[in-house]
Amino acid sequence: MTEIRLDLRGLKCPLPAMKTRKALERARRGSILLVECTDPLAAIDLPNLARETGDAFLSRSEADGYAIYRIRKVGA
C-alpha cells in the first residue's frame, strides 16, 4: 500500500478539493492520500469529494494547527 502525502496547508477553497481530486485521479487503487490542510471548508469538501469519486474517506485528525485527512483510492 502506497501513502501519498499532499501538503495543502495555506490553500483556500476550492484549491484543496481540486488538488486532492487530481491526486486521486493519478493514484493507484489501494493508495492512501494523507491530505494536510488548514482550510476549514475542507472538513466538508473532502468527505464529499470522496463520496463523489467513490473513494473511501477514512479519517480526519488534528496536528499542530492543521487537519490531516486520510482517503483511500478505491476506484480504478
N, C-alpha and C. Protein backbone atom coordinates (compact mmCIF):
# COMPACT_ATOMS: atom_id res chain seq x y z
N MET A 1 0.84 -1.17 0.00
CA MET A 1 0.00 0.00 0.00
C MET A 1 0.89 1.25 0.00
N THR A 2 0.58 2.17 -0.86
CA THR A 2 1.34 3.40 -1.00
C THR A 2 0.65 4.53 -0.27
N GLU A 3 1.41 5.35 0.43
CA GLU A 3 0.88 6.57 1.03
C GLU A 3 1.38 7.76 0.24
N ILE A 4 0.46 8.65 -0.09
CA ILE A 4 0.79 9.85 -0.84
C ILE A 4 0.46 11.04 0.06
N ARG A 5 1.46 11.84 0.35
CA ARG A 5 1.27 13.00 1.23
C ARG A 5 1.06 14.25 0.38
N LEU A 6 -0.03 14.97 0.66
CA LEU A 6 -0.31 16.24 0.00
C LEU A 6 -0.26 17.34 1.04
N ASP A 7 0.68 18.25 0.92
CA ASP A 7 0.77 19.39 1.83
C ASP A 7 0.01 20.54 1.19
N LEU A 8 -1.23 20.73 1.60
CA LEU A 8 -2.08 21.77 1.04
C LEU A 8 -2.34 22.87 2.07
N ARG A 9 -1.48 22.95 3.07
CA ARG A 9 -1.63 23.98 4.10
C ARG A 9 -1.47 25.35 3.47
N GLY A 10 -2.37 26.27 3.86
CA GLY A 10 -2.33 27.63 3.36
C GLY A 10 -3.21 27.86 2.15
N LEU A 11 -3.67 26.80 1.50
CA LEU A 11 -4.54 26.95 0.34
C LEU A 11 -5.99 27.11 0.79
N LYS A 12 -6.73 27.91 0.06
CA LYS A 12 -8.14 28.17 0.37
C LYS A 12 -9.04 27.50 -0.65
N CYS A 13 -10.28 27.28 -0.25
CA CYS A 13 -11.31 26.67 -1.08
C CYS A 13 -11.40 27.43 -2.41
N PRO A 14 -11.43 26.75 -3.51
CA PRO A 14 -11.64 25.33 -3.76
C PRO A 14 -10.35 24.55 -4.03
N LEU A 15 -9.18 25.17 -3.85
CA LEU A 15 -7.93 24.52 -4.23
C LEU A 15 -7.65 23.19 -3.53
N PRO A 16 -7.88 23.05 -2.21
CA PRO A 16 -7.60 21.75 -1.60
C PRO A 16 -8.41 20.61 -2.24
N ALA A 17 -9.68 20.84 -2.50
CA ALA A 17 -10.50 19.79 -3.13
C ALA A 17 -10.04 19.52 -4.55
N MET A 18 -9.70 20.56 -5.30
CA MET A 18 -9.26 20.36 -6.68
C MET A 18 -7.95 19.58 -6.74
N LYS A 19 -7.00 19.93 -5.89
CA LYS A 19 -5.71 19.23 -5.89
C LYS A 19 -5.85 17.79 -5.38
N THR A 20 -6.75 17.58 -4.44
CA THR A 20 -6.99 16.22 -3.94
C THR A 20 -7.64 15.38 -5.04
N ARG A 21 -8.57 15.95 -5.78
CA ARG A 21 -9.21 15.23 -6.89
C ARG A 21 -8.16 14.80 -7.92
N LYS A 22 -7.27 15.71 -8.29
CA LYS A 22 -6.22 15.38 -9.27
C LYS A 22 -5.30 14.28 -8.74
N ALA A 23 -4.97 14.34 -7.46
CA ALA A 23 -4.11 13.31 -6.87
C ALA A 23 -4.82 11.96 -6.86
N LEU A 24 -6.12 11.95 -6.58
CA LEU A 24 -6.89 10.70 -6.61
C LEU A 24 -6.93 10.12 -8.02
N GLU A 25 -7.05 10.98 -9.02
CA GLU A 25 -7.08 10.51 -10.41
C GLU A 25 -5.77 9.83 -10.79
N ARG A 26 -4.64 10.33 -10.26
CA ARG A 26 -3.33 9.77 -10.59
C ARG A 26 -2.95 8.57 -9.73
N ALA A 27 -3.60 8.44 -8.57
CA ALA A 27 -3.21 7.41 -7.61
C ALA A 27 -3.63 6.01 -8.07
N ARG A 28 -2.89 5.02 -7.61
CA ARG A 28 -3.24 3.63 -7.87
C ARG A 28 -4.27 3.16 -6.86
N ARG A 29 -5.08 2.20 -7.26
CA ARG A 29 -6.08 1.62 -6.37
C ARG A 29 -5.38 1.09 -5.11
N GLY A 30 -5.96 1.40 -3.95
CA GLY A 30 -5.40 0.97 -2.67
C GLY A 30 -4.49 2.00 -2.02
N SER A 31 -4.08 3.02 -2.77
CA SER A 31 -3.22 4.07 -2.20
C SER A 31 -3.99 4.87 -1.16
N ILE A 32 -3.26 5.37 -0.18
CA ILE A 32 -3.84 6.23 0.85
C ILE A 32 -3.30 7.64 0.65
N LEU A 33 -4.19 8.60 0.53
CA LEU A 33 -3.79 10.00 0.46
C LEU A 33 -3.85 10.59 1.86
N LEU A 34 -2.76 11.21 2.29
CA LEU A 34 -2.70 11.95 3.54
C LEU A 34 -2.71 13.42 3.17
N VAL A 35 -3.83 14.07 3.35
CA VAL A 35 -4.01 15.45 2.91
C VAL A 35 -3.91 16.36 4.12
N GLU A 36 -2.86 17.19 4.15
CA GLU A 36 -2.66 18.15 5.23
C GLU A 36 -3.25 19.48 4.78
N CYS A 37 -4.16 20.04 5.58
CA CYS A 37 -4.91 21.19 5.13
C CYS A 37 -5.28 22.11 6.28
N THR A 38 -5.23 23.43 6.03
CA THR A 38 -5.65 24.41 7.03
C THR A 38 -7.00 25.03 6.70
N ASP A 39 -7.53 24.80 5.53
CA ASP A 39 -8.81 25.37 5.13
C ASP A 39 -9.95 24.70 5.90
N PRO A 40 -10.73 25.46 6.68
CA PRO A 40 -11.81 24.84 7.45
C PRO A 40 -12.89 24.21 6.58
N LEU A 41 -13.07 24.68 5.36
CA LEU A 41 -14.10 24.11 4.47
C LEU A 41 -13.71 22.73 3.96
N ALA A 42 -12.46 22.35 4.10
CA ALA A 42 -12.03 21.02 3.68
C ALA A 42 -12.75 19.93 4.49
N ALA A 43 -13.17 20.27 5.71
CA ALA A 43 -13.90 19.30 6.54
C ALA A 43 -15.22 18.88 5.88
N ILE A 44 -15.75 19.73 5.03
CA ILE A 44 -16.96 19.43 4.27
C ILE A 44 -16.60 18.92 2.88
N ASP A 45 -15.67 19.61 2.24
CA ASP A 45 -15.35 19.33 0.84
C ASP A 45 -14.70 17.97 0.61
N LEU A 46 -13.76 17.57 1.46
CA LEU A 46 -13.03 16.32 1.19
C LEU A 46 -13.88 15.07 1.41
N PRO A 47 -14.70 14.99 2.46
CA PRO A 47 -15.60 13.82 2.53
C PRO A 47 -16.58 13.77 1.36
N ASN A 48 -17.09 14.94 0.94
CA ASN A 48 -17.99 14.97 -0.21
C ASN A 48 -17.28 14.55 -1.49
N LEU A 49 -16.04 14.98 -1.66
CA LEU A 49 -15.25 14.58 -2.82
C LEU A 49 -15.08 13.07 -2.86
N ALA A 50 -14.73 12.47 -1.73
CA ALA A 50 -14.55 11.01 -1.68
C ALA A 50 -15.85 10.30 -2.05
N ARG A 51 -16.96 10.82 -1.58
CA ARG A 51 -18.26 10.21 -1.91
C ARG A 51 -18.54 10.34 -3.41
N GLU A 52 -18.25 11.49 -3.99
CA GLU A 52 -18.47 11.71 -5.42
C GLU A 52 -17.61 10.79 -6.29
N THR A 53 -16.36 10.58 -5.88
CA THR A 53 -15.43 9.79 -6.69
C THR A 53 -15.54 8.30 -6.42
N GLY A 54 -16.25 7.94 -5.34
CA GLY A 54 -16.38 6.52 -5.00
C GLY A 54 -15.21 6.01 -4.19
N ASP A 55 -14.40 6.92 -3.66
CA ASP A 55 -13.27 6.52 -2.83
C ASP A 55 -13.67 6.53 -1.36
N ALA A 56 -12.82 6.03 -0.49
CA ALA A 56 -13.16 5.86 0.92
C ALA A 56 -12.52 6.96 1.78
N PHE A 57 -13.37 7.76 2.41
CA PHE A 57 -12.90 8.73 3.39
C PHE A 57 -12.67 7.98 4.69
N LEU A 58 -11.42 7.93 5.14
CA LEU A 58 -11.06 7.11 6.30
C LEU A 58 -11.11 7.88 7.61
N SER A 59 -10.51 9.07 7.65
CA SER A 59 -10.45 9.78 8.92
C SER A 59 -10.02 11.22 8.75
N ARG A 60 -10.24 11.97 9.84
CA ARG A 60 -9.76 13.34 9.96
C ARG A 60 -9.15 13.45 11.35
N SER A 61 -7.95 14.03 11.43
CA SER A 61 -7.31 14.25 12.72
C SER A 61 -6.65 15.63 12.72
N GLU A 62 -6.28 16.11 13.89
CA GLU A 62 -5.65 17.42 14.05
C GLU A 62 -4.19 17.25 14.44
N ALA A 63 -3.35 18.17 13.91
CA ALA A 63 -1.93 18.15 14.27
C ALA A 63 -1.34 19.55 14.09
N ASP A 64 -0.92 20.17 15.17
CA ASP A 64 -0.20 21.46 15.12
C ASP A 64 -0.88 22.53 14.27
N GLY A 65 -2.18 22.71 14.41
CA GLY A 65 -2.87 23.78 13.72
C GLY A 65 -3.37 23.46 12.33
N TYR A 66 -3.30 22.22 11.93
CA TYR A 66 -3.85 21.82 10.63
C TYR A 66 -4.52 20.46 10.76
N ALA A 67 -5.34 20.15 9.79
CA ALA A 67 -6.04 18.87 9.79
C ALA A 67 -5.37 17.91 8.82
N ILE A 68 -5.45 16.63 9.14
CA ILE A 68 -4.94 15.57 8.26
C ILE A 68 -6.12 14.68 7.90
N TYR A 69 -6.38 14.58 6.61
CA TYR A 69 -7.47 13.76 6.08
C TYR A 69 -6.85 12.55 5.42
N ARG A 70 -7.43 11.38 5.66
CA ARG A 70 -6.97 10.13 5.04
C ARG A 70 -8.06 9.63 4.11
N ILE A 71 -7.69 9.45 2.84
CA ILE A 71 -8.62 8.97 1.82
C ILE A 71 -7.96 7.82 1.09
N ARG A 72 -8.68 6.69 0.97
CA ARG A 72 -8.16 5.54 0.24
C ARG A 72 -8.75 5.51 -1.16
N LYS A 73 -7.88 5.36 -2.16
CA LYS A 73 -8.31 5.23 -3.55
C LYS A 73 -8.95 3.87 -3.72
N VAL A 74 -10.23 3.84 -4.08
CA VAL A 74 -10.97 2.60 -4.26
C VAL A 74 -11.23 2.35 -5.73
N GLY A 75 -11.65 3.37 -6.45
CA GLY A 75 -12.00 3.23 -7.86
C GLY A 75 -10.78 3.02 -8.75
N ALA A 76 -11.06 2.74 -10.02
CA ALA A 76 -10.00 2.48 -10.98
C ALA A 76 -9.24 3.72 -11.36
